[in-house]
């Protein structure tokens, strides 16, 4: 894939949505500008975009978008009856 179409992966980890993009030729500075009429990678409902963080390590950009407390899945115990 070229720089205009990097390999992108999106998954959930520890109550956050994580987006990873392979950008090996970028180096230490990243500027991304532009507008698309349709979203390239829509985030799921319940993401808190005010708390986004990003790191660049070994040519991989990792963007972490925490989910709001209401959007995080909650485990519950299921009791067996009978």
PDB file of N, CA and C in Angstrom:
ATOM      1  N   UNK A   1       0.837  -1.190   0.000  1.00  0.00           N
ATOM      2  CA  UNK A   1       0.000   0.000   0.000  1.00  0.00           C
ATOM      3  C   UNK A   1       0.877   1.246   0.000  1.00  0.00           C
ATOM      4  N   UNK A   2       0.402   2.290  -0.610  1.00  0.00           N
ATOM      5  CA  UNK A   2       1.147   3.531  -0.654  1.00  0.00           C
ATOM      6  C   UNK A   2       0.854   4.414   0.537  1.00  0.00           C
ATOM      7  N   UNK A   3       1.531   5.554   0.596  1.00  0.00           N
ATOM      8  CA  UNK A   3       1.350   6.483   1.713  1.00  0.00           C
ATOM      9  C   UNK A   3      -0.063   7.027   1.771  1.00  0.00           C
ATOM     10  N   UNK A   4      -0.747   7.115   0.629  1.00  0.00           N
ATOM     11  CA  UNK A   4      -2.111   7.634   0.616  1.00  0.00           C
ATOM     12  C   UNK A   4      -3.107   6.608   1.129  1.00  0.00           C
ATOM     13  N   UNK A   5      -2.736   5.339   1.177  1.00  0.00           N
ATOM     14  CA  UNK A   5      -3.604   4.268   1.631  1.00  0.00           C
ATOM     15  C   UNK A   5      -2.855   3.340   2.581  1.00  0.00           C
ATOM     16  N   UNK A   6      -2.544   3.794   3.801  1.00  0.00           N
ATOM     17  CA  UNK A   6      -1.778   2.955   4.726  1.00  0.00           C
ATOM     18  C   UNK A   6      -2.616   1.789   5.237  1.00  0.00           C
ATOM     19  N   UNK A   7      -1.940   0.715   5.674  1.00  0.00           N
ATOM     20  CA  UNK A   7      -2.628  -0.410   6.301  1.00  0.00           C
ATOM     21  C   UNK A   7      -3.173   0.067   7.642  1.00  0.00           C
ATOM     22  N   UNK A   8      -4.481  -0.108   7.855  1.00  0.00           N
ATOM     23  CA  UNK A   8      -5.130   0.392   9.068  1.00  0.00           C
ATOM     24  C   UNK A   8      -5.882  -0.742   9.741  1.00  0.00           C
ATOM     25  N   UNK A   9      -5.787  -0.795  11.078  1.00  0.00           N
ATOM     26  CA  UNK A   9      -6.491  -1.790  11.871  1.00  0.00           C
ATOM     27  C   UNK A   9      -7.199  -1.058  13.000  1.00  0.00           C
ATOM     28  N   UNK A  10      -8.429  -1.477  13.335  1.00  0.00           N
ATOM     29  CA  UNK A  10      -9.171  -0.860  14.427  1.00  0.00           C
ATOM     30  C   UNK A  10      -9.725  -1.969  15.311  1.00  0.00           C
ATOM     31  N   UNK A  11      -9.515  -1.828  16.651  1.00  0.00           N
ATOM     32  CA  UNK A  11      -9.982  -2.844  17.596  1.00  0.00           C
ATOM     33  C   UNK A  11     -10.213  -2.189  18.948  1.00  0.00           C
ATOM     34  N   UNK A  12     -10.794  -2.939  19.891  1.00  0.00           N
ATOM     35  CA  UNK A  12     -11.025  -2.435  21.239  1.00  0.00           C
ATOM     36  C   UNK A  12     -10.026  -3.041  22.196  1.00  0.00           C
ATOM     37  N   UNK A  13      -9.557  -2.194  23.153  1.00  0.00           N
ATOM     38  CA  UNK A  13      -8.612  -2.649  24.176  1.00  0.00           C
ATOM     39  C   UNK A  13      -8.833  -1.820  25.434  1.00  0.00           C
ATOM     40  N   UNK A  14      -9.068  -2.462  26.555  1.00  0.00           N
ATOM     41  CA  UNK A  14      -9.179  -1.792  27.856  1.00  0.00           C
ATOM     42  C   UNK A  14     -10.167  -0.631  27.846  1.00  0.00           C
ATOM     43  N   UNK A  15     -11.339  -0.815  27.256  1.00  0.00           N
ATOM     44  CA  UNK A  15     -12.359   0.222  27.256  1.00  0.00           C
ATOM     45  C   UNK A  15     -12.097   1.376  26.304  1.00  0.00           C
ATOM     46  N   UNK A  16     -11.196   1.177  25.352  1.00  0.00           N
ATOM     47  CA  UNK A  16     -10.890   2.205  24.354  1.00  0.00           C
ATOM     48  C   UNK A  16     -10.928   1.608  22.958  1.00  0.00           C
ATOM     49  N   UNK A  17     -11.145   2.452  21.968  1.00  0.00           N
ATOM     50  CA  UNK A  17     -11.014   2.053  20.576  1.00  0.00           C
ATOM     51  C   UNK A  17      -9.598   2.412  20.154  1.00  0.00           C
ATOM     52  N   UNK A  18      -8.879   1.459  19.563  1.00  0.00           N
ATOM     53  CA  UNK A  18      -7.494   1.670  19.142  1.00  0.00           C
ATOM     54  C   UNK A  18      -7.442   1.571  17.620  1.00  0.00           C
ATOM     55  N   UNK A  19      -6.807   2.562  17.000  1.00  0.00           N
ATOM     56  CA  UNK A  19      -6.602   2.564  15.552  1.00  0.00           C
ATOM     57  C   UNK A  19      -5.097   2.544  15.314  1.00  0.00           C
ATOM     58  N   UNK A  20      -4.624   1.566  14.542  1.00  0.00           N
ATOM     59  CA  UNK A  20      -3.203   1.485  14.202  1.00  0.00           C
ATOM     60  C   UNK A  20      -3.055   1.638  12.699  1.00  0.00           C
ATOM     61  N   UNK A  21      -2.091   2.463  12.297  1.00  0.00           N
ATOM     62  CA  UNK A  21      -1.817   2.690  10.880  1.00  0.00           C
ATOM     63  C   UNK A  21      -0.320   2.545  10.638  1.00  0.00           C
ATOM     64  N   UNK A  22       0.041   1.732   9.653  1.00  0.00           N
ATOM     65  CA  UNK A  22       1.449   1.565   9.300  1.00  0.00           C
ATOM     66  C   UNK A  22       1.881   2.735   8.428  1.00  0.00           C
ATOM     67  N   UNK A  23       2.812   3.518   8.946  1.00  0.00           N
ATOM     68  CA  UNK A  23       3.322   4.699   8.234  1.00  0.00           C
ATOM     69  C   UNK A  23       4.844   4.715   8.302  1.00  0.00           C
ATOM     70  N   UNK A  24       5.524   3.699   7.779  1.00  0.00           N
ATOM     71  CA  UNK A  24       6.967   3.580   7.969  1.00  0.00           C
ATOM     72  C   UNK A  24       7.793   4.690   7.345  1.00  0.00           C
ATOM     73  N   UNK A  25       7.319   5.354   6.321  1.00  0.00           N
ATOM     74  CA  UNK A  25       8.122   6.371   5.646  1.00  0.00           C
ATOM     75  C   UNK A  25       7.929   7.766   6.222  1.00  0.00           C
ATOM     76  N   UNK A  26       7.084   7.907   7.224  1.00  0.00           N
ATOM     77  CA  UNK A  26       6.756   9.232   7.748  1.00  0.00           C
ATOM     78  C   UNK A  26       7.892   9.832   8.576  1.00  0.00           C
ATOM     79  N   UNK A  27       8.528   9.030   9.429  1.00  0.00           N
ATOM     80  CA  UNK A  27       9.572   9.577  10.291  1.00  0.00           C
ATOM     81  C   UNK A  27       9.002  10.075  11.600  1.00  0.00           C
ATOM     82  N   UNK A  28       9.537  11.187  12.140  1.00  0.00           N
ATOM     83  CA  UNK A  28       9.157  11.668  13.461  1.00  0.00           C
ATOM     84  C   UNK A  28       8.093  12.760  13.434  1.00  0.00           C
ATOM     85  N   UNK A  29       7.726  13.242  12.268  1.00  0.00           N
ATOM     86  CA  UNK A  29       6.731  14.310  12.174  1.00  0.00           C
ATOM     87  C   UNK A  29       5.577  13.837  11.301  1.00  0.00           C
ATOM     88  N   UNK A  30       4.364  14.096  11.776  1.00  0.00           N
ATOM     89  CA  UNK A  30       3.193  13.688  11.019  1.00  0.00           C
ATOM     90  C   UNK A  30       2.222  14.849  10.937  1.00  0.00           C
ATOM     91  N   UNK A  31       1.859  15.210   9.740  1.00  0.00           N
ATOM     92  CA  UNK A  31       0.827  16.222   9.514  1.00  0.00           C
ATOM     93  C   UNK A  31      -0.219  15.588   8.613  1.00  0.00           C
ATOM     94  N   UNK A  32      -1.457  15.645   9.043  1.00  0.00           N
ATOM     95  CA  UNK A  32      -2.541  15.085   8.243  1.00  0.00           C
ATOM     96  C   UNK A  32      -3.595  16.165   8.056  1.00  0.00           C
ATOM     97  N   UNK A  33      -3.822  16.539   6.819  1.00  0.00           N
ATOM     98  CA  UNK A  33      -4.804  17.567   6.496  1.00  0.00           C
ATOM     99  C   UNK A  33      -5.719  17.042   5.413  1.00  0.00           C
ATOM    100  N   UNK A  34      -6.941  17.513   5.418  1.00  0.00           N
ATOM    101  CA  UNK A  34      -7.847  17.125   4.352  1.00  0.00           C
ATOM    102  C   UNK A  34      -9.253  16.916   4.851  1.00  0.00           C
ATOM    103  N   UNK A  35     -10.148  16.786   3.897  1.00  0.00           N
ATOM    104  CA  UNK A  35     -11.558  16.573   4.198  1.00  0.00           C
ATOM    105  C   UNK A  35     -12.096  15.511   3.259  1.00  0.00           C
ATOM    106  N   UNK A  36     -12.871  14.625   3.785  1.00  0.00           N
ATOM    107  CA  UNK A  36     -13.536  13.613   2.965  1.00  0.00           C
ATOM    108  C   UNK A  36     -15.031  13.810   3.110  1.00  0.00           C
ATOM    109  N   UNK A  37     -15.742  13.551   2.041  1.00  0.00           N
ATOM    110  CA  UNK A  37     -17.194  13.665   2.093  1.00  0.00           C
ATOM    111  C   UNK A  37     -17.807  12.523   2.893  1.00  0.00           C
ATOM    112  N   UNK A  38     -17.185  11.339   2.837  1.00  0.00           N
ATOM    113  CA  UNK A  38     -17.626  10.191   3.621  1.00  0.00           C
ATOM    114  C   UNK A  38     -16.514   9.832   4.597  1.00  0.00           C
ATOM    115  N   UNK A  39     -16.848   9.426   5.821  1.00  0.00           N
ATOM    116  CA  UNK A  39     -15.796   9.062   6.792  1.00  0.00           C
ATOM    117  C   UNK A  39     -14.959   7.893   6.289  1.00  0.00           C
ATOM    118  N   UNK A  40     -13.650   7.984   6.459  1.00  0.00           N
ATOM    119  CA  UNK A  40     -12.746   6.920   6.043  1.00  0.00           C
ATOM    120  C   UNK A  40     -12.824   5.756   7.025  1.00  0.00           C
ATOM    121  N   UNK A  41     -12.875   6.064   8.317  1.00  0.00           N
ATOM    122  CA  UNK A  41     -12.917   5.029   9.355  1.00  0.00           C
ATOM    123  C   UNK A  41     -13.807   5.535  10.488  1.00  0.00           C
ATOM    124  N   UNK A  42     -15.118   5.347  10.380  1.00  0.00           N
ATOM    125  CA  UNK A  42     -16.008   5.879  11.417  1.00  0.00           C
ATOM    126  C   UNK A  42     -15.785   5.190  12.757  1.00  0.00           C
ATOM    127  N   UNK A  43     -15.795   5.979  13.812  1.00  0.00           N
ATOM    128  CA  UNK A  43     -15.659   5.450  15.166  1.00  0.00           C
ATOM    129  C   UNK A  43     -17.019   4.981  15.658  1.00  0.00           C
ATOM    130  N   UNK A  44     -17.040   3.960  16.523  1.00  0.00           N
ATOM    131  CA  UNK A  44     -18.314   3.504  17.065  1.00  0.00           C
ATOM    132  C   UNK A  44     -18.924   4.544  18.007  1.00  0.00           C
ATOM    133  N   UNK A  45     -20.219   4.429  18.253  1.00  0.00           N
ATOM    134  CA  UNK A  45     -20.900   5.321  19.182  1.00  0.00           C
ATOM    135  C   UNK A  45     -20.248   5.226  20.564  1.00  0.00           C
ATOM    136  N   UNK A  46     -20.258   6.322  21.294  1.00  0.00           N
ATOM    137  CA  UNK A  46     -19.770   6.316  22.668  1.00  0.00           C
ATOM    138  C   UNK A  46     -18.299   6.623  22.826  1.00  0.00           C
ATOM    139  N   UNK A  47     -17.615   7.054  21.766  1.00  0.00           N
ATOM    140  CA  UNK A  47     -16.198   7.404  21.873  1.00  0.00           C
ATOM    141  C   UNK A  47     -16.061   8.840  22.378  1.00  0.00           C
ATOM    142  N   UNK A  48     -15.110   9.056  23.280  1.00  0.00           N
ATOM    143  CA  UNK A  48     -14.863  10.391  23.822  1.00  0.00           C
ATOM    144  C   UNK A  48     -13.706  11.020  23.045  1.00  0.00           C
ATOM    145  N   UNK A  49     -14.015  11.733  21.983  1.00  0.00           N
ATOM    146  CA  UNK A  49     -12.980  12.286  21.094  1.00  0.00           C
ATOM    147  C   UNK A  49     -12.212  13.439  21.727  1.00  0.00           C
ATOM    148  N   UNK A  50     -12.641  13.921  22.898  1.00  0.00           N
ATOM    149  CA  UNK A  50     -11.879  14.959  23.597  1.00  0.00           C
ATOM    150  C   UNK A  50     -10.654  14.389  24.303  1.00  0.00           C
ATOM    151  N   UNK A  51     -10.592  13.071  24.485  1.00  0.00           N
ATOM    152  CA  UNK A  51      -9.494  12.443  25.227  1.00  0.00           C
ATOM    153  C   UNK A  51      -8.608  11.558  24.341  1.00  0.00           C
ATOM    154  N   UNK A  52      -8.531  11.864  23.066  1.00  0.00           N
ATOM    155  CA  UNK A  52      -7.727  11.084  22.119  1.00  0.00           C
ATOM    156  C   UNK A  52      -6.242  11.262  22.418  1.00  0.00           C
ATOM    157  N   UNK A  53      -5.482  10.162  22.322  1.00  0.00           N
ATOM    158  CA  UNK A  53      -4.020  10.239  22.430  1.00  0.00           C
ATOM    159  C   UNK A  53      -3.418   9.467  21.260  1.00  0.00           C
ATOM    160  N   UNK A  54      -2.181   9.803  20.915  1.00  0.00           N
ATOM    161  CA  UNK A  54      -1.532   9.135  19.786  1.00  0.00           C
ATOM    162  C   UNK A  54      -0.049   8.966  20.059  1.00  0.00           C
ATOM    163  N   UNK A  55       0.503   7.842  19.596  1.00  0.00           N
ATOM    164  CA  UNK A  55       1.940   7.588  19.688  1.00  0.00           C
ATOM    165  C   UNK A  55       2.419   7.043  18.345  1.00  0.00           C
ATOM    166  N   UNK A  56       3.684   7.297  18.046  1.00  0.00           N
ATOM    167  CA  UNK A  56       4.314   6.777  16.828  1.00  0.00           C
ATOM    168  C   UNK A  56       5.495   5.935  17.280  1.00  0.00           C
ATOM    169  N   UNK A  57       5.482   4.629  16.943  1.00  0.00           N
ATOM    170  CA  UNK A  57       6.545   3.736  17.373  1.00  0.00           C
ATOM    171  C   UNK A  57       6.879   2.777  16.242  1.00  0.00           C
ATOM    172  N   UNK A  58       8.135   2.770  15.815  1.00  0.00           N
ATOM    173  CA  UNK A  58       8.603   1.848  14.772  1.00  0.00           C
ATOM    174  C   UNK A  58       7.754   1.924  13.512  1.00  0.00           C
ATOM    175  N   UNK A  59       7.372   3.127  13.108  1.00  0.00           N
ATOM    176  CA  UNK A  59       6.620   3.310  11.876  1.00  0.00           C
ATOM    177  C   UNK A  59       5.139   2.995  11.975  1.00  0.00           C
ATOM    178  N   UNK A  60       4.643   2.770  13.202  1.00  0.00           N
ATOM    179  CA  UNK A  60       3.221   2.479  13.391  1.00  0.00           C
ATOM    180  C   UNK A  60       2.606   3.579  14.254  1.00  0.00           C
ATOM    181  N   UNK A  61       1.622   4.262  13.706  1.00  0.00           N
ATOM    182  CA  UNK A  61       0.875   5.279  14.442  1.00  0.00           C
ATOM    183  C   UNK A  61      -0.249   4.583  15.188  1.00  0.00           C
ATOM    184  N   UNK A  62      -0.321   4.794  16.515  1.00  0.00           N
ATOM    185  CA  UNK A  62      -1.398   4.221  17.323  1.00  0.00           C
ATOM    186  C   UNK A  62      -2.216   5.349  17.923  1.00  0.00           C
ATOM    187  N   UNK A  63      -3.497   5.366  17.620  1.00  0.00           N
ATOM    188  CA  UNK A  63      -4.413   6.375  18.136  1.00  0.00           C
ATOM    189  C   UNK A  63      -5.363   5.667  19.087  1.00  0.00           C
ATOM    190  N   UNK A  64      -5.489   6.192  20.325  1.00  0.00           N
ATOM    191  CA  UNK A  64      -6.357   5.590  21.333  1.00  0.00           C
ATOM    192  C   UNK A  64      -7.486   6.566  21.635  1.00  0.00           C
ATOM    193  N   UNK A  65      -8.723   6.096  21.461  1.00  0.00           N
ATOM    194  CA  UNK A  65      -9.908   6.913  21.713  1.00  0.00           C
ATOM    195  C   UNK A  65     -10.704   6.231  22.829  1.00  0.00           C
ATOM    196  N   UNK A  66     -10.667   6.781  24.045  1.00  0.00           N
ATOM    197  CA  UNK A  66     -11.409   6.151  25.148  1.00  0.00           C
ATOM    198  C   UNK A  66     -12.911   6.189  24.895  1.00  0.00           C
ATOM    199  N   UNK A  67     -13.590   5.183  25.410  1.00  0.00           N
ATOM    200  CA  UNK A  67     -15.046   5.172  25.347  1.00  0.00           C
ATOM    201  C   UNK A  67     -15.588   5.836  26.616  1.00  0.00           C
ATOM    202  N   UNK A  68     -16.761   6.427  26.496  1.00  0.00           N
ATOM    203  CA  UNK A  68     -17.395   6.990  27.683  1.00  0.00           C
ATOM    204  C   UNK A  68     -17.756   5.853  28.623  1.00  0.00           C
ATOM    205  N   UNK A  69     -17.921   6.166  29.879  1.00  0.00           N
ATOM    206  CA  UNK A  69     -18.220   5.140  30.881  1.00  0.00           C
ATOM    207  C   UNK A  69     -19.492   4.359  30.514  1.00  0.00           C
ATOM    208  N   UNK A  70     -20.482   5.042  29.950  1.00  0.00           N
ATOM    209  CA  UNK A  70     -21.726   4.381  29.580  1.00  0.00           C
ATOM    210  C   UNK A  70     -21.534   3.407  28.420  1.00  0.00           C
ATOM    211  N   UNK A  71     -20.539   3.636  27.578  1.00  0.00           N
ATOM    212  CA  UNK A  71     -20.342   2.811  26.384  1.00  0.00           C
ATOM    213  C   UNK A  71     -19.489   1.573  26.636  1.00  0.00           C
ATOM    214  N   UNK A  72     -18.768   1.513  27.772  1.00  0.00           N
ATOM    215  CA  UNK A  72     -17.895   0.380  28.063  1.00  0.00           C
ATOM    216  C   UNK A  72     -18.749  -0.817  28.479  1.00  0.00           C
ATOM    217  N   UNK A  73     -18.462  -1.970  27.888  1.00  0.00           N
ATOM    218  CA  UNK A  73     -19.210  -3.184  28.214  1.00  0.00           C
ATOM    219  C   UNK A  73     -19.006  -3.552  29.679  1.00  0.00           C
ATOM    220  N   UNK A  74     -20.040  -4.071  30.272  1.00  0.00           N
ATOM    221  CA  UNK A  74     -19.988  -4.434  31.689  1.00  0.00           C
ATOM    222  C   UNK A  74     -20.300  -5.915  31.818  1.00  0.00           C
ATOM    223  N   UNK A  75     -19.500  -6.640  32.614  1.00  0.00           N
ATOM    224  CA  UNK A  75     -19.728  -8.065  32.848  1.00  0.00           C
ATOM    225  C   UNK A  75     -20.700  -8.216  34.002  1.00  0.00           C
ATOM    226  N   UNK A  76     -21.620  -9.153  33.851  1.00  0.00           N
ATOM    227  CA  UNK A  76     -22.543  -9.443  34.931  1.00  0.00           C
ATOM    228  C   UNK A  76     -22.574 -10.954  35.148  1.00  0.00           C
ATOM    229  N   UNK A  77     -22.867 -11.351  36.378  1.00  0.00           N
ATOM    230  CA  UNK A  77     -22.972 -12.759  36.695  1.00  0.00           C
ATOM    231  C   UNK A  77     -24.352 -13.255  36.295  1.00  0.00           C
ATOM    232  N   UNK A  78     -24.406 -14.488  35.758  1.00  0.00           N
ATOM    233  CA  UNK A  78     -25.670 -15.097  35.388  1.00  0.00           C
ATOM    234  C   UNK A  78     -25.899 -16.264  36.331  1.00  0.00           C
ATOM    235  N   UNK A  79     -27.014 -16.231  37.062  1.00  0.00           N
ATOM    236  CA  UNK A  79     -27.329 -17.289  38.026  1.00  0.00           C
ATOM    237  C   UNK A  79     -28.157 -18.373  37.345  1.00  0.00           C
ATOM    238  N   UNK A  80     -27.812 -19.597  37.617  1.00  0.00           N
ATOM    239  CA  UNK A  80     -28.549 -20.733  37.084  1.00  0.00           C
ATOM    240  C   UNK A  80     -29.685 -21.069  38.049  1.00  0.00           C
ATOM    241  N   UNK A  81     -30.869 -21.194  37.532  1.00  0.00           N
ATOM    242  CA  UNK A  81     -32.041 -21.495  38.336  1.00  0.00           C
ATOM    243  C   UNK A  81     -32.529 -22.888  37.956  1.00  0.00           C
ATOM    244  N   UNK A  82     -32.664 -23.757  38.948  1.00  0.00           N
ATOM    245  CA  UNK A  82     -33.237 -25.095  38.722  1.00  0.00           C
ATOM    246  C   UNK A  82     -32.269 -26.102  38.345  1.00  0.00           C
TER     247      UNK A  82
END
